[in-house]
């Protein structure tokens, strides 16, 4: 039985759309969204080549307790991977947190005051505007 029923594919898609417009100017293509079971990992980004081109896939673990701030922090982190891979056409280097990834983190901090850590060990509660729930 999952620890959390907070995250659904519908909430993932809604938050992706909101963050895409707010932080990425709406340039990101839609992703696929999935839930997976993992005690060691909160979220991950994968991609694969289809007949339509490169398709991103954002995964969230249902094995953890989630609140909205945590959910949004991880979504933005995974969206940076999606941006670097699909817009900048870079695989992100060996650990996927190369200078292109860091550049987007710096941009988000400079333009919006949010801190997106590269290695999500500690999640900051740093969103300045009150976060609204995704219904």
N, C-alpha and C. Protein backbone atom coordinates (compact mmCIF):
# COMPACT_ATOMS: atom_id res chain seq x y z
N UNK A 1 0.84 -1.19 0.00
CA UNK A 1 0.00 0.00 0.00
C UNK A 1 0.88 1.25 0.00
N UNK A 2 0.62 2.19 -0.89
CA UNK A 2 1.43 3.41 -0.95
C UNK A 2 1.29 4.24 0.32
N UNK A 3 2.39 4.93 0.68
CA UNK A 3 2.36 5.85 1.81
C UNK A 3 1.54 7.09 1.46
N UNK A 4 1.61 7.51 0.21
CA UNK A 4 0.98 8.77 -0.17
C UNK A 4 0.02 8.58 -1.32
N UNK A 5 -1.14 9.15 -1.17
CA UNK A 5 -2.08 9.21 -2.29
C UNK A 5 -2.20 10.65 -2.77
N UNK A 6 -1.30 11.53 -2.29
CA UNK A 6 -1.35 12.95 -2.64
C UNK A 6 -1.10 13.17 -4.13
N UNK A 7 -0.12 12.48 -4.67
CA UNK A 7 0.27 12.72 -6.06
C UNK A 7 -0.49 11.80 -7.00
N UNK A 8 -1.04 12.41 -8.03
CA UNK A 8 -1.70 11.66 -9.10
C UNK A 8 -1.13 12.15 -10.43
N UNK A 9 -1.35 11.41 -11.48
CA UNK A 9 -0.90 11.84 -12.80
C UNK A 9 -1.56 13.15 -13.20
N UNK A 10 -2.82 13.32 -12.81
CA UNK A 10 -3.54 14.55 -13.14
C UNK A 10 -2.91 15.75 -12.43
N UNK A 11 -2.55 15.58 -11.15
CA UNK A 11 -1.89 16.67 -10.42
C UNK A 11 -0.52 16.96 -11.00
N UNK A 12 0.19 15.91 -11.44
CA UNK A 12 1.49 16.10 -12.05
C UNK A 12 1.34 16.94 -13.33
N UNK A 13 0.38 16.60 -14.17
CA UNK A 13 0.16 17.33 -15.42
C UNK A 13 -0.24 18.77 -15.15
N UNK A 14 -1.10 18.99 -14.16
CA UNK A 14 -1.54 20.36 -13.84
C UNK A 14 -0.39 21.20 -13.32
N UNK A 15 0.43 20.64 -12.43
CA UNK A 15 1.56 21.39 -11.90
C UNK A 15 2.61 21.64 -12.98
N UNK A 16 2.84 20.66 -13.85
CA UNK A 16 3.77 20.84 -14.96
C UNK A 16 3.32 22.03 -15.81
N UNK A 17 2.05 22.06 -16.17
CA UNK A 17 1.54 23.17 -17.01
C UNK A 17 1.72 24.52 -16.31
N UNK A 18 1.38 24.56 -15.03
CA UNK A 18 1.50 25.81 -14.28
C UNK A 18 2.96 26.27 -14.22
N UNK A 19 3.87 25.38 -13.88
CA UNK A 19 5.29 25.74 -13.77
C UNK A 19 5.90 26.03 -15.13
N UNK A 20 5.45 25.33 -16.16
CA UNK A 20 5.94 25.57 -17.52
C UNK A 20 5.66 27.02 -17.91
N UNK A 21 4.47 27.49 -17.67
CA UNK A 21 4.12 28.87 -18.03
C UNK A 21 4.78 29.88 -17.10
N UNK A 22 4.83 29.57 -15.82
CA UNK A 22 5.37 30.53 -14.86
C UNK A 22 6.89 30.65 -14.93
N UNK A 23 7.60 29.54 -15.05
CA UNK A 23 9.06 29.56 -14.93
C UNK A 23 9.82 29.30 -16.23
N UNK A 24 9.14 28.72 -17.24
CA UNK A 24 9.83 28.37 -18.48
C UNK A 24 9.21 29.02 -19.72
N UNK A 25 8.33 29.96 -19.52
CA UNK A 25 7.72 30.67 -20.65
C UNK A 25 6.88 29.81 -21.55
N UNK A 26 6.44 28.64 -21.08
CA UNK A 26 5.59 27.76 -21.86
C UNK A 26 6.28 27.01 -22.99
N UNK A 27 7.63 26.98 -22.99
CA UNK A 27 8.35 26.37 -24.11
C UNK A 27 8.48 24.84 -24.02
N UNK A 28 8.24 24.28 -22.84
CA UNK A 28 8.43 22.84 -22.69
C UNK A 28 7.28 22.05 -23.29
N UNK A 29 7.64 20.98 -24.01
CA UNK A 29 6.62 20.07 -24.54
C UNK A 29 6.06 19.24 -23.39
N UNK A 30 4.84 18.80 -23.57
CA UNK A 30 4.20 17.93 -22.58
C UNK A 30 5.05 16.69 -22.37
N UNK A 31 4.98 16.18 -21.15
CA UNK A 31 5.67 14.94 -20.78
C UNK A 31 4.66 13.84 -20.55
N UNK A 32 5.19 12.65 -20.37
CA UNK A 32 4.40 11.57 -19.80
C UNK A 32 4.64 11.61 -18.29
N UNK A 33 3.70 11.12 -17.53
CA UNK A 33 3.80 11.14 -16.07
C UNK A 33 3.48 9.75 -15.54
N UNK A 34 4.28 9.31 -14.57
CA UNK A 34 4.04 8.00 -13.96
C UNK A 34 4.39 8.04 -12.49
N UNK A 35 3.85 7.09 -11.77
CA UNK A 35 4.18 6.86 -10.37
C UNK A 35 4.98 5.57 -10.28
N UNK A 36 5.91 5.51 -9.35
CA UNK A 36 6.69 4.29 -9.16
C UNK A 36 6.95 4.10 -7.68
N UNK A 37 7.37 2.91 -7.33
CA UNK A 37 7.64 2.58 -5.93
C UNK A 37 9.14 2.63 -5.69
N UNK A 38 9.57 3.48 -4.75
CA UNK A 38 10.98 3.55 -4.38
C UNK A 38 11.12 4.23 -3.03
N UNK A 39 11.79 3.59 -2.14
CA UNK A 39 12.11 4.20 -0.85
C UNK A 39 13.34 5.09 -0.95
N UNK A 40 14.19 4.85 -1.94
CA UNK A 40 15.47 5.55 -2.09
C UNK A 40 15.40 6.78 -2.98
N UNK A 41 14.39 6.90 -3.77
CA UNK A 41 14.32 7.96 -4.77
C UNK A 41 12.94 8.61 -4.70
N UNK A 42 12.92 9.93 -4.77
CA UNK A 42 11.65 10.65 -4.74
C UNK A 42 11.06 10.82 -6.13
N UNK A 43 11.91 11.19 -7.07
CA UNK A 43 11.44 11.47 -8.43
C UNK A 43 12.59 11.23 -9.40
N UNK A 44 12.23 11.14 -10.68
CA UNK A 44 13.28 11.01 -11.70
C UNK A 44 12.72 11.46 -13.04
N UNK A 45 13.67 11.75 -13.93
CA UNK A 45 13.33 12.16 -15.30
C UNK A 45 13.99 11.19 -16.26
N UNK A 46 13.23 10.71 -17.22
CA UNK A 46 13.78 9.90 -18.30
C UNK A 46 13.25 10.45 -19.62
N UNK A 47 13.83 10.02 -20.70
CA UNK A 47 13.33 10.41 -22.01
C UNK A 47 13.65 9.31 -23.00
N UNK A 48 12.91 9.29 -24.09
CA UNK A 48 13.18 8.32 -25.15
C UNK A 48 12.72 8.91 -26.48
N UNK A 49 13.30 8.38 -27.53
CA UNK A 49 13.00 8.85 -28.87
C UNK A 49 11.78 8.11 -29.40
N UNK A 50 10.81 8.87 -29.90
CA UNK A 50 9.62 8.30 -30.51
C UNK A 50 9.57 8.76 -31.96
N UNK A 51 8.54 8.34 -32.67
CA UNK A 51 8.38 8.80 -34.05
C UNK A 51 8.14 10.30 -34.12
N UNK A 52 7.59 10.86 -33.03
CA UNK A 52 7.32 12.31 -32.98
C UNK A 52 8.52 13.10 -32.49
N UNK A 53 9.58 12.43 -32.06
CA UNK A 53 10.75 13.11 -31.53
C UNK A 53 11.03 12.67 -30.11
N UNK A 54 11.81 13.46 -29.41
CA UNK A 54 12.20 13.14 -28.04
C UNK A 54 11.02 13.40 -27.09
N UNK A 55 10.70 12.40 -26.29
CA UNK A 55 9.59 12.53 -25.33
C UNK A 55 10.12 12.39 -23.92
N UNK A 56 9.78 13.35 -23.07
CA UNK A 56 10.18 13.32 -21.68
C UNK A 56 9.19 12.55 -20.83
N UNK A 57 9.68 12.06 -19.70
CA UNK A 57 8.84 11.27 -18.79
C UNK A 57 9.26 11.61 -17.36
N UNK A 58 8.32 12.14 -16.59
CA UNK A 58 8.59 12.50 -15.20
C UNK A 58 7.90 11.48 -14.30
N UNK A 59 8.68 10.95 -13.36
CA UNK A 59 8.21 9.91 -12.45
C UNK A 59 8.26 10.43 -11.02
N UNK A 60 7.26 10.11 -10.21
CA UNK A 60 7.24 10.42 -8.78
C UNK A 60 7.01 9.13 -8.00
N UNK A 61 7.73 8.98 -6.91
CA UNK A 61 7.56 7.80 -6.05
C UNK A 61 6.35 7.99 -5.14
N UNK A 62 5.52 6.98 -5.07
CA UNK A 62 4.39 7.01 -4.14
C UNK A 62 4.76 6.43 -2.78
N UNK A 63 6.03 6.12 -2.58
CA UNK A 63 6.50 5.53 -1.33
C UNK A 63 6.84 6.57 -0.27
N UNK A 64 6.64 7.84 -0.56
CA UNK A 64 7.00 8.92 0.35
C UNK A 64 5.78 9.77 0.67
N UNK A 65 5.86 10.46 1.79
CA UNK A 65 4.83 11.44 2.14
C UNK A 65 5.12 12.73 1.37
N UNK A 66 4.10 13.30 0.77
CA UNK A 66 4.26 14.51 -0.03
C UNK A 66 3.38 15.63 0.51
N UNK A 67 3.91 16.85 0.42
CA UNK A 67 3.07 18.03 0.57
C UNK A 67 3.33 18.88 -0.67
N UNK A 68 2.62 19.99 -0.77
CA UNK A 68 2.70 20.75 -2.01
C UNK A 68 4.08 21.34 -2.26
N UNK A 69 4.74 21.88 -1.22
CA UNK A 69 6.07 22.47 -1.41
C UNK A 69 7.07 21.43 -1.89
N UNK A 70 7.04 20.26 -1.30
CA UNK A 70 7.94 19.17 -1.71
C UNK A 70 7.64 18.76 -3.14
N UNK A 71 6.37 18.60 -3.45
CA UNK A 71 5.94 18.22 -4.80
C UNK A 71 6.42 19.24 -5.83
N UNK A 72 6.23 20.53 -5.53
CA UNK A 72 6.63 21.58 -6.47
C UNK A 72 8.15 21.64 -6.62
N UNK A 73 8.89 21.50 -5.53
CA UNK A 73 10.36 21.50 -5.62
C UNK A 73 10.86 20.41 -6.54
N UNK A 74 10.33 19.22 -6.35
CA UNK A 74 10.77 18.11 -7.21
C UNK A 74 10.31 18.28 -8.64
N UNK A 75 9.11 18.79 -8.85
CA UNK A 75 8.63 18.98 -10.22
C UNK A 75 9.53 19.97 -10.97
N UNK A 76 9.87 21.08 -10.34
CA UNK A 76 10.73 22.05 -11.01
C UNK A 76 12.10 21.44 -11.30
N UNK A 77 12.63 20.69 -10.36
CA UNK A 77 13.92 20.02 -10.57
C UNK A 77 13.85 19.11 -11.82
N UNK A 78 12.80 18.30 -11.90
CA UNK A 78 12.67 17.39 -13.04
C UNK A 78 12.40 18.16 -14.33
N UNK A 79 11.71 19.28 -14.23
CA UNK A 79 11.45 20.10 -15.42
C UNK A 79 12.74 20.73 -15.95
N UNK A 80 13.68 21.02 -15.08
CA UNK A 80 14.97 21.53 -15.55
C UNK A 80 15.67 20.44 -16.38
N UNK A 81 15.61 19.21 -15.92
CA UNK A 81 16.16 18.11 -16.73
C UNK A 81 15.48 18.07 -18.10
N UNK A 82 14.17 18.21 -18.11
CA UNK A 82 13.41 18.19 -19.37
C UNK A 82 13.83 19.35 -20.27
N UNK A 83 14.01 20.52 -19.70
CA UNK A 83 14.45 21.69 -20.46
C UNK A 83 15.84 21.47 -21.07
N UNK A 84 16.77 21.03 -20.25
CA UNK A 84 18.15 20.82 -20.71
C UNK A 84 18.17 19.77 -21.82
N UNK A 85 17.37 18.72 -21.68
CA UNK A 85 17.39 17.64 -22.68
C UNK A 85 16.66 18.02 -23.96
N UNK A 86 15.49 18.65 -23.86
CA UNK A 86 14.69 18.88 -25.07
C UNK A 86 14.91 20.24 -25.70
N UNK A 87 15.19 21.27 -24.92
CA UNK A 87 15.38 22.61 -25.48
C UNK A 87 16.85 22.84 -25.81
N UNK A 88 17.74 22.48 -24.90
CA UNK A 88 19.17 22.70 -25.14
C UNK A 88 19.84 21.50 -25.78
N UNK A 89 19.11 20.41 -25.97
CA UNK A 89 19.60 19.21 -26.64
C UNK A 89 20.88 18.66 -26.00
N UNK A 90 20.90 18.63 -24.68
CA UNK A 90 22.04 18.10 -23.95
C UNK A 90 21.55 17.00 -23.02
N UNK A 91 22.33 15.95 -22.88
CA UNK A 91 21.91 14.87 -21.98
C UNK A 91 22.27 15.18 -20.52
N UNK A 92 22.87 16.32 -20.27
CA UNK A 92 23.13 16.75 -18.90
C UNK A 92 24.43 16.25 -18.32
N UNK A 93 25.25 15.59 -19.09
CA UNK A 93 26.53 15.10 -18.58
C UNK A 93 26.39 13.79 -17.83
N UNK A 94 27.46 13.33 -17.29
CA UNK A 94 27.50 12.02 -16.67
C UNK A 94 26.56 11.90 -15.47
N UNK A 95 26.44 12.95 -14.67
CA UNK A 95 25.54 12.91 -13.51
C UNK A 95 24.28 13.74 -13.72
N UNK A 96 24.08 14.24 -14.94
CA UNK A 96 22.90 14.99 -15.35
C UNK A 96 22.67 16.32 -14.61
N UNK A 97 23.67 16.78 -13.90
CA UNK A 97 23.57 18.08 -13.21
C UNK A 97 24.75 18.95 -13.62
N UNK A 98 24.95 19.06 -14.92
CA UNK A 98 26.11 19.79 -15.44
C UNK A 98 25.87 21.30 -15.42
N UNK A 99 26.70 22.05 -16.10
CA UNK A 99 26.63 23.50 -16.09
C UNK A 99 25.32 24.01 -16.68
N UNK A 100 24.74 23.30 -17.62
CA UNK A 100 23.47 23.73 -18.19
C UNK A 100 22.35 23.63 -17.15
N UNK A 101 22.36 22.56 -16.39
CA UNK A 101 21.40 22.39 -15.31
C UNK A 101 21.59 23.48 -14.26
N UNK A 102 22.84 23.71 -13.86
CA UNK A 102 23.14 24.74 -12.85
C UNK A 102 22.76 26.13 -13.35
N UNK A 103 22.93 26.38 -14.64
CA UNK A 103 22.56 27.69 -15.21
C UNK A 103 21.06 27.94 -15.04
N UNK A 104 20.25 26.91 -15.26
CA UNK A 104 18.81 27.07 -15.07
C UNK A 104 18.46 27.28 -13.60
N UNK A 105 19.16 26.60 -12.71
CA UNK A 105 18.95 26.81 -11.26
C UNK A 105 19.26 28.25 -10.89
N UNK A 106 20.36 28.79 -11.40
CA UNK A 106 20.72 30.18 -11.12
C UNK A 106 19.68 31.15 -11.69
N UNK A 107 19.19 30.86 -12.90
CA UNK A 107 18.17 31.71 -13.52
C UNK A 107 16.90 31.75 -12.67
N UNK A 108 16.46 30.59 -12.20
CA UNK A 108 15.25 30.54 -11.38
C UNK A 108 15.43 31.29 -10.06
N UNK A 109 16.63 31.21 -9.49
CA UNK A 109 16.91 31.95 -8.25
C UNK A 109 16.91 33.46 -8.52
N UNK A 110 17.58 33.86 -9.61
CA UNK A 110 17.70 35.28 -9.95
C UNK A 110 16.32 35.88 -10.32
N UNK A 111 15.55 35.18 -11.14
CA UNK A 111 14.30 35.74 -11.65
C UNK A 111 13.10 35.55 -10.72
N UNK A 112 13.12 34.47 -9.91
CA UNK A 112 11.93 34.15 -9.11
C UNK A 112 12.23 33.97 -7.62
N UNK A 113 13.49 34.00 -7.25
CA UNK A 113 13.84 33.86 -5.85
C UNK A 113 13.68 32.47 -5.29
N UNK A 114 13.60 31.47 -6.15
CA UNK A 114 13.47 30.10 -5.66
C UNK A 114 14.79 29.36 -5.82
N UNK A 115 15.06 28.50 -4.89
CA UNK A 115 16.29 27.72 -4.92
C UNK A 115 15.92 26.28 -5.28
N UNK A 116 16.50 25.80 -6.35
CA UNK A 116 16.30 24.41 -6.76
C UNK A 116 17.62 23.70 -6.57
N UNK A 117 17.73 22.88 -5.52
CA UNK A 117 19.00 22.18 -5.30
C UNK A 117 19.27 21.15 -6.38
N UNK A 118 20.54 20.97 -6.69
CA UNK A 118 20.90 19.99 -7.71
C UNK A 118 20.62 18.58 -7.26
N UNK A 119 20.91 18.27 -6.02
CA UNK A 119 20.78 16.91 -5.54
C UNK A 119 19.77 16.83 -4.43
N UNK A 120 18.60 17.17 -4.56
CA UNK A 120 17.47 17.17 -3.67
C UNK A 120 17.60 16.34 -2.39
N UNK A 121 18.67 16.62 -1.61
CA UNK A 121 18.83 15.95 -0.32
C UNK A 121 18.02 16.67 0.74
N UNK A 122 17.98 17.99 0.63
CA UNK A 122 17.24 18.81 1.58
C UNK A 122 16.35 19.75 0.77
N UNK A 123 15.08 19.68 1.01
CA UNK A 123 14.14 20.46 0.22
C UNK A 123 13.92 21.82 0.88
N UNK A 124 14.22 22.90 0.17
CA UNK A 124 13.99 24.22 0.75
C UNK A 124 12.51 24.60 0.72
N UNK A 125 12.08 25.31 1.72
CA UNK A 125 10.72 25.87 1.76
C UNK A 125 10.88 27.34 1.39
N UNK A 126 11.20 27.62 0.13
CA UNK A 126 11.64 28.96 -0.22
C UNK A 126 10.78 29.66 -1.26
N UNK A 127 9.60 29.17 -1.51
CA UNK A 127 8.77 29.84 -2.49
C UNK A 127 8.17 31.07 -1.83
N UNK A 128 8.39 32.23 -2.44
CA UNK A 128 7.97 33.48 -1.81
C UNK A 128 6.45 33.65 -1.79
N UNK A 129 5.78 33.35 -2.91
CA UNK A 129 4.33 33.51 -2.92
C UNK A 129 3.70 32.30 -2.22
N UNK A 130 2.56 32.49 -1.60
CA UNK A 130 1.90 31.34 -0.99
C UNK A 130 1.57 30.31 -2.08
N UNK A 131 1.87 29.08 -1.81
CA UNK A 131 1.63 28.04 -2.81
C UNK A 131 0.18 27.60 -2.73
N UNK A 132 -0.42 27.47 -3.88
CA UNK A 132 -1.81 27.02 -3.90
C UNK A 132 -1.86 25.54 -4.25
N UNK A 133 -2.83 24.89 -3.72
CA UNK A 133 -3.01 23.47 -3.98
C UNK A 133 -3.51 23.26 -5.40
N UNK A 134 -3.11 22.17 -6.00
CA UNK A 134 -3.63 21.77 -7.31
C UNK A 134 -4.87 20.90 -7.05
N UNK A 135 -5.96 21.27 -7.60
CA UNK A 135 -7.21 20.53 -7.35
C UNK A 135 -7.36 19.42 -8.36
